[in-house]
C-alpha cells in the first residue's frame, strides 16, 4: 500500500543509527521520525536532531505511526529486536551482519514469513563505486575470460575499541568487513562456490579475528581472493583482476580503474631482463606496441537507492534488491571461513 512516506524509528542511535538519519535525508518516500537507545547521551543526541525519543523499546513498538524499525545495535542483539518488531507489525531494516549465525538468521526469516513483514539487510557496499567499476569490467569482458580476482581492505589502526573487539557481541573482521566483500564477490560472480579456504589473523587482538585471508573457488575454477587486514602499514591494491587478455587494478577507494590489455601483435622479439643473478625472458615486459593501457572511470552510484527500493517494495512497485537468500548465502560463507580456519584446510561449500 502506497503512503505519503514510511516512518522509520531507529533502535540504537550510535554511529550507524545516526548515519541513517543522513542517508534518509532528501528521500521523500521515507522519514526517520523516532529513536530509542539504552544510552542517555544517544537519547539526548536524538532529541537534538529533532527525533521523537522513546522511553523504551516497548513504547517504540506501541507507536502505530511507525512503519519500519531500523536495527542498528551490536550484532548479537539484532535477532531479538528484529523478531519482536515484526511480531509487533513493523517492517524491519537491519544493519549488517544481520546476525551472527545462519541458525539465528533462519529464525528471523521464519518470523518474516509468519508475520508477512519485510526483513531487509542494509548491504550498503553494493553501492561502492570501486566495486561497481570492477563489476562493469567483469560483466563486459574487458579482460577476456576472468580467472582470478583479488579484493582487499587494509588498515593499520587495529580494531576499533568498541563491541567489534568482543566475540560475544559478534566482533571480528569476518563479520565486520567480510560481510561486505563476500557480498560483493557473490554479486559479481554468478556461479556456485565449490571450495573455501581461509586463515584468520590475531596480530593485535586474541579474542576475535583482526583480519583474514579467504579464497573462494567457483564452479568454473575461477578463484576469488578476499583479504581484510587491520595491521597493514603499506596497502595493497583494493582490487586486482586477471583475465586471459589483460589485467585491471583499482588502487584505492575513489580511484579510477587502470586496464592493460593485449593488442594482438606478436611478441617474437623479447628483450630479456637482466638481474643480479642472470637473465630472464619469461618475466620480461611486453613491448609497448603489443599492449593498450586505458582508464575506466568510476561508475557513479547513489546509496539512497536502498531506501527508495524499500519504499517501492512496501508500495508494491518493485522487488526488494537485497534478498534474504542472498543474505543467507553470505552468512553461510562466513561460517565456512571460520570452519576452514579452525580445521586448517579447504572445506566444501555448495
Foldseek 3Di string as FASTA:
>chain_A
DADQAAEEEEEAQPDVVVVVQVLCPPPRHYHHAYYEYPDVVSLVVCVVVVHHYDPDLVRVLPDPSHAEYEYDDQQACLLVSLLVSLVSVHAYEYEFPSHQALVSLVVSVVSCVVSVHHYFYCLLLVQQLVLVLVLVCQVVCVQPHWQEKEAEDEAAAFDPPDCLQAVSRPHACCRVPVLNVVLSVCVRDVFAFFKKAKAFDAPPHDRYGRKMWMWTQTPVRRIYIYIYHHRDPDDAFRMWIHHPFWIWTHRDRPGWIKIKGFPPDDQPDFDWDQDPVGTDRVPGDGDPVGMDMDTDGGDHGRSSVQVVQVSCVVVVNDDHDGDSVSSSLSNVSSVQNVVNNVVVHMDTDD
